[in-house]
Amino acid sequence: MSVENKALIIRVAEIVITELKLQDITPDTFDPDLDLVDELGVDSMDLATVVLVLQDEYGITIDEDDYPKLRNIRMIAEYIEQKQQA
């Protein structure tokens, strides 16, 4: 994992923690492979909130059809990298 990717994963974790008001977890302790829907109970409204912040922060557009690709922090970070390179 590159330093850039690690930094992106940490930043995405910060956004998820803040937007979902998660307690007792920090970006450093957030498992980037934790399934946000199945293991954390994130619903579509929560995900939409996170997506809006990610779009603003990274200047990308995330299609609703792509939401299933955003199941964990690592997948979100990889998605953002792909969108920025496109």
N, C-alpha and C. Protein backbone atom coordinates (compact mmCIF):
# COMPACT_ATOMS: atom_id res chain seq x y z
N MET A 1 0.85 -1.18 0.00
CA MET A 1 0.00 0.00 0.00
C MET A 1 0.89 1.24 0.00
N SER A 2 0.61 2.17 -0.90
CA SER A 2 1.42 3.37 -1.00
C SER A 2 1.09 4.33 0.14
N VAL A 3 1.99 5.27 0.35
CA VAL A 3 1.78 6.28 1.40
C VAL A 3 0.54 7.10 1.06
N GLU A 4 0.37 7.42 -0.24
CA GLU A 4 -0.80 8.19 -0.67
C GLU A 4 -2.07 7.43 -0.38
N ASN A 5 -2.07 6.12 -0.69
CA ASN A 5 -3.25 5.30 -0.46
C ASN A 5 -3.56 5.22 1.03
N LYS A 6 -2.54 5.07 1.86
CA LYS A 6 -2.73 5.00 3.32
C LYS A 6 -3.33 6.31 3.82
N ALA A 7 -2.82 7.43 3.33
CA ALA A 7 -3.35 8.74 3.73
C ALA A 7 -4.80 8.89 3.29
N LEU A 8 -5.12 8.41 2.10
CA LEU A 8 -6.49 8.48 1.59
C LEU A 8 -7.42 7.61 2.45
N ILE A 9 -6.97 6.43 2.80
CA ILE A 9 -7.77 5.54 3.65
C ILE A 9 -8.04 6.21 5.00
N ILE A 10 -7.01 6.83 5.59
CA ILE A 10 -7.18 7.52 6.87
C ILE A 10 -8.19 8.66 6.73
N ARG A 11 -8.07 9.44 5.65
CA ARG A 11 -8.99 10.57 5.44
C ARG A 11 -10.42 10.09 5.23
N VAL A 12 -10.60 9.04 4.44
CA VAL A 12 -11.95 8.49 4.22
C VAL A 12 -12.51 7.98 5.54
N ALA A 13 -11.68 7.33 6.35
CA ALA A 13 -12.12 6.85 7.66
C ALA A 13 -12.56 8.02 8.53
N GLU A 14 -11.81 9.14 8.50
CA GLU A 14 -12.18 10.32 9.27
C GLU A 14 -13.56 10.82 8.86
N ILE A 15 -13.80 10.87 7.55
CA ILE A 15 -15.09 11.34 7.03
C ILE A 15 -16.21 10.41 7.47
N VAL A 16 -16.01 9.11 7.33
CA VAL A 16 -17.03 8.14 7.72
C VAL A 16 -17.34 8.25 9.22
N ILE A 17 -16.29 8.33 10.03
CA ILE A 17 -16.46 8.45 11.48
C ILE A 17 -17.24 9.72 11.84
N THR A 18 -16.88 10.83 11.23
CA THR A 18 -17.53 12.10 11.51
C THR A 18 -18.98 12.10 11.05
N GLU A 19 -19.21 11.72 9.80
CA GLU A 19 -20.56 11.78 9.23
C GLU A 19 -21.52 10.79 9.88
N LEU A 20 -21.02 9.64 10.29
CA LEU A 20 -21.88 8.63 10.90
C LEU A 20 -21.89 8.72 12.42
N LYS A 21 -21.14 9.71 12.94
CA LYS A 21 -21.06 9.94 14.38
C LYS A 21 -20.69 8.66 15.14
N LEU A 22 -19.67 7.98 14.63
CA LEU A 22 -19.19 6.76 15.27
C LEU A 22 -18.38 7.13 16.51
N GLN A 23 -18.54 6.36 17.56
CA GLN A 23 -17.82 6.64 18.80
C GLN A 23 -16.86 5.50 19.09
N ASP A 24 -15.87 5.79 19.90
CA ASP A 24 -14.89 4.79 20.34
C ASP A 24 -14.09 4.19 19.19
N ILE A 25 -13.91 4.97 18.13
CA ILE A 25 -13.10 4.48 17.00
C ILE A 25 -12.35 5.67 16.42
N THR A 26 -11.12 5.43 16.01
CA THR A 26 -10.31 6.49 15.40
C THR A 26 -9.94 6.04 13.99
N PRO A 27 -9.52 6.97 13.14
CA PRO A 27 -9.11 6.59 11.79
C PRO A 27 -8.00 5.53 11.80
N ASP A 28 -7.12 5.58 12.79
CA ASP A 28 -6.03 4.61 12.85
C ASP A 28 -6.49 3.22 13.27
N THR A 29 -7.58 3.16 14.04
CA THR A 29 -8.06 1.85 14.50
C THR A 29 -9.20 1.31 13.64
N PHE A 30 -9.68 2.11 12.69
CA PHE A 30 -10.79 1.70 11.82
C PHE A 30 -10.26 0.66 10.84
N ASP A 31 -10.82 -0.53 10.86
CA ASP A 31 -10.42 -1.59 9.92
C ASP A 31 -10.90 -1.20 8.53
N PRO A 32 -9.97 -0.95 7.58
CA PRO A 32 -10.38 -0.50 6.24
C PRO A 32 -11.15 -1.56 5.46
N ASP A 33 -11.14 -2.80 5.94
CA ASP A 33 -11.86 -3.87 5.25
C ASP A 33 -13.19 -4.21 5.93
N LEU A 34 -13.56 -3.46 6.97
CA LEU A 34 -14.82 -3.68 7.67
C LEU A 34 -15.97 -3.33 6.72
N ASP A 35 -16.91 -4.25 6.54
CA ASP A 35 -18.04 -4.01 5.66
C ASP A 35 -18.99 -3.00 6.32
N LEU A 36 -19.14 -1.85 5.68
CA LEU A 36 -19.92 -0.77 6.27
C LEU A 36 -21.40 -1.12 6.40
N VAL A 37 -21.92 -1.88 5.45
CA VAL A 37 -23.34 -2.22 5.46
C VAL A 37 -23.61 -3.42 6.37
N ASP A 38 -22.92 -4.52 6.13
CA ASP A 38 -23.21 -5.75 6.87
C ASP A 38 -22.68 -5.75 8.30
N GLU A 39 -21.49 -5.17 8.51
CA GLU A 39 -20.89 -5.23 9.84
C GLU A 39 -21.12 -3.98 10.68
N LEU A 40 -21.32 -2.84 10.01
CA LEU A 40 -21.48 -1.59 10.74
C LEU A 40 -22.93 -1.09 10.72
N GLY A 41 -23.75 -1.66 9.83
CA GLY A 41 -25.17 -1.29 9.77
C GLY A 41 -25.45 0.02 9.08
N VAL A 42 -24.57 0.44 8.18
CA VAL A 42 -24.77 1.69 7.45
C VAL A 42 -25.91 1.48 6.45
N ASP A 43 -26.88 2.41 6.46
CA ASP A 43 -27.98 2.29 5.50
C ASP A 43 -27.74 3.22 4.31
N SER A 44 -28.66 3.20 3.36
CA SER A 44 -28.46 3.97 2.13
C SER A 44 -28.44 5.47 2.39
N MET A 45 -29.19 5.94 3.37
CA MET A 45 -29.17 7.37 3.68
C MET A 45 -27.81 7.78 4.28
N ASP A 46 -27.27 6.94 5.16
CA ASP A 46 -25.94 7.22 5.73
C ASP A 46 -24.89 7.24 4.63
N LEU A 47 -24.97 6.27 3.74
CA LEU A 47 -24.00 6.18 2.65
C LEU A 47 -24.11 7.40 1.74
N ALA A 48 -25.32 7.84 1.47
CA ALA A 48 -25.53 9.02 0.62
C ALA A 48 -24.90 10.26 1.27
N THR A 49 -25.00 10.37 2.58
CA THR A 49 -24.40 11.49 3.30
C THR A 49 -22.88 11.46 3.16
N VAL A 50 -22.30 10.30 3.34
CA VAL A 50 -20.84 10.14 3.19
C VAL A 50 -20.43 10.46 1.75
N VAL A 51 -21.19 9.97 0.79
CA VAL A 51 -20.88 10.20 -0.63
C VAL A 51 -20.86 11.70 -0.95
N LEU A 52 -21.82 12.46 -0.43
CA LEU A 52 -21.86 13.90 -0.68
C LEU A 52 -20.59 14.59 -0.19
N VAL A 53 -20.14 14.21 0.99
CA VAL A 53 -18.91 14.80 1.55
C VAL A 53 -17.70 14.40 0.71
N LEU A 54 -17.64 13.13 0.30
CA LEU A 54 -16.52 12.65 -0.53
C LEU A 54 -16.49 13.38 -1.87
N GLN A 55 -17.66 13.60 -2.47
CA GLN A 55 -17.71 14.30 -3.75
C GLN A 55 -17.19 15.72 -3.61
N ASP A 56 -17.60 16.40 -2.54
CA ASP A 56 -17.13 17.77 -2.31
C ASP A 56 -15.63 17.81 -2.05
N GLU A 57 -15.16 16.89 -1.20
CA GLU A 57 -13.76 16.89 -0.80
C GLU A 57 -12.82 16.56 -1.96
N TYR A 58 -13.22 15.61 -2.81
CA TYR A 58 -12.32 15.11 -3.85
C TYR A 58 -12.68 15.58 -5.26
N GLY A 59 -13.74 16.37 -5.39
CA GLY A 59 -14.11 16.91 -6.69
C GLY A 59 -14.47 15.83 -7.71
N ILE A 60 -15.15 14.80 -7.23
CA ILE A 60 -15.55 13.70 -8.12
C ILE A 60 -17.06 13.55 -8.07
N THR A 61 -17.59 12.80 -9.03
CA THR A 61 -19.00 12.45 -9.04
C THR A 61 -19.12 10.96 -8.80
N ILE A 62 -19.94 10.59 -7.84
CA ILE A 62 -20.16 9.19 -7.54
C ILE A 62 -21.59 8.84 -7.92
N ASP A 63 -21.74 7.99 -8.92
CA ASP A 63 -23.06 7.58 -9.37
C ASP A 63 -23.71 6.65 -8.35
N GLU A 64 -25.01 6.78 -8.21
CA GLU A 64 -25.74 5.92 -7.27
C GLU A 64 -25.56 4.45 -7.64
N ASP A 65 -25.39 4.17 -8.93
CA ASP A 65 -25.17 2.79 -9.38
C ASP A 65 -23.87 2.22 -8.82
N ASP A 66 -22.94 3.10 -8.44
CA ASP A 66 -21.64 2.66 -7.91
C ASP A 66 -21.65 2.43 -6.41
N TYR A 67 -22.73 2.75 -5.72
CA TYR A 67 -22.78 2.58 -4.26
C TYR A 67 -22.40 1.16 -3.82
N PRO A 68 -22.82 0.10 -4.55
CA PRO A 68 -22.42 -1.25 -4.12
C PRO A 68 -20.90 -1.46 -4.12
N LYS A 69 -20.16 -0.63 -4.86
CA LYS A 69 -18.70 -0.74 -4.91
C LYS A 69 -18.06 -0.09 -3.68
N LEU A 70 -18.86 0.58 -2.87
CA LEU A 70 -18.34 1.35 -1.74
C LEU A 70 -18.67 0.65 -0.43
N ARG A 71 -18.26 -0.60 -0.31
CA ARG A 71 -18.65 -1.42 0.84
C ARG A 71 -17.73 -1.26 2.04
N ASN A 72 -16.49 -0.82 1.81
CA ASN A 72 -15.59 -0.60 2.94
C ASN A 72 -14.65 0.56 2.63
N ILE A 73 -13.89 0.96 3.62
CA ILE A 73 -13.00 2.13 3.48
C ILE A 73 -11.98 1.92 2.35
N ARG A 74 -11.41 0.72 2.29
CA ARG A 74 -10.40 0.45 1.25
C ARG A 74 -11.01 0.56 -0.15
N MET A 75 -12.21 0.02 -0.33
CA MET A 75 -12.88 0.08 -1.64
C MET A 75 -13.22 1.53 -2.00
N ILE A 76 -13.63 2.31 -1.01
CA ILE A 76 -13.94 3.72 -1.26
C ILE A 76 -12.68 4.47 -1.69
N ALA A 77 -11.56 4.22 -1.00
CA ALA A 77 -10.30 4.88 -1.34
C ALA A 77 -9.86 4.51 -2.76
N GLU A 78 -9.96 3.23 -3.11
CA GLU A 78 -9.59 2.80 -4.46
C GLU A 78 -10.50 3.42 -5.50
N TYR A 79 -11.78 3.52 -5.20
CA TYR A 79 -12.76 4.14 -6.11
C TYR A 79 -12.39 5.60 -6.36
N ILE A 80 -12.06 6.32 -5.27
CA ILE A 80 -11.68 7.73 -5.39
C ILE A 80 -10.44 7.87 -6.26
N GLU A 81 -9.43 7.02 -6.03
CA GLU A 81 -8.21 7.07 -6.84
C GLU A 81 -8.52 6.85 -8.32
N GLN A 82 -9.37 5.88 -8.62
CA GLN A 82 -9.74 5.60 -10.01
C GLN A 82 -10.45 6.80 -10.64
N LYS A 83 -11.37 7.41 -9.90
CA LYS A 83 -12.12 8.56 -10.42
C LYS A 83 -11.18 9.75 -10.67
N GLN A 84 -10.21 9.94 -9.79
CA GLN A 84 -9.29 11.07 -9.95
C GLN A 84 -8.35 10.86 -11.13
N GLN A 85 -8.04 9.62 -11.45
CA GLN A 85 -7.14 9.33 -12.56
C GLN A 85 -7.86 9.35 -13.90
N ALA A 86 -9.17 9.22 -13.87
CA ALA A 86 -9.97 9.17 -15.10
C ALA A 86 -10.03 10.52 -15.79
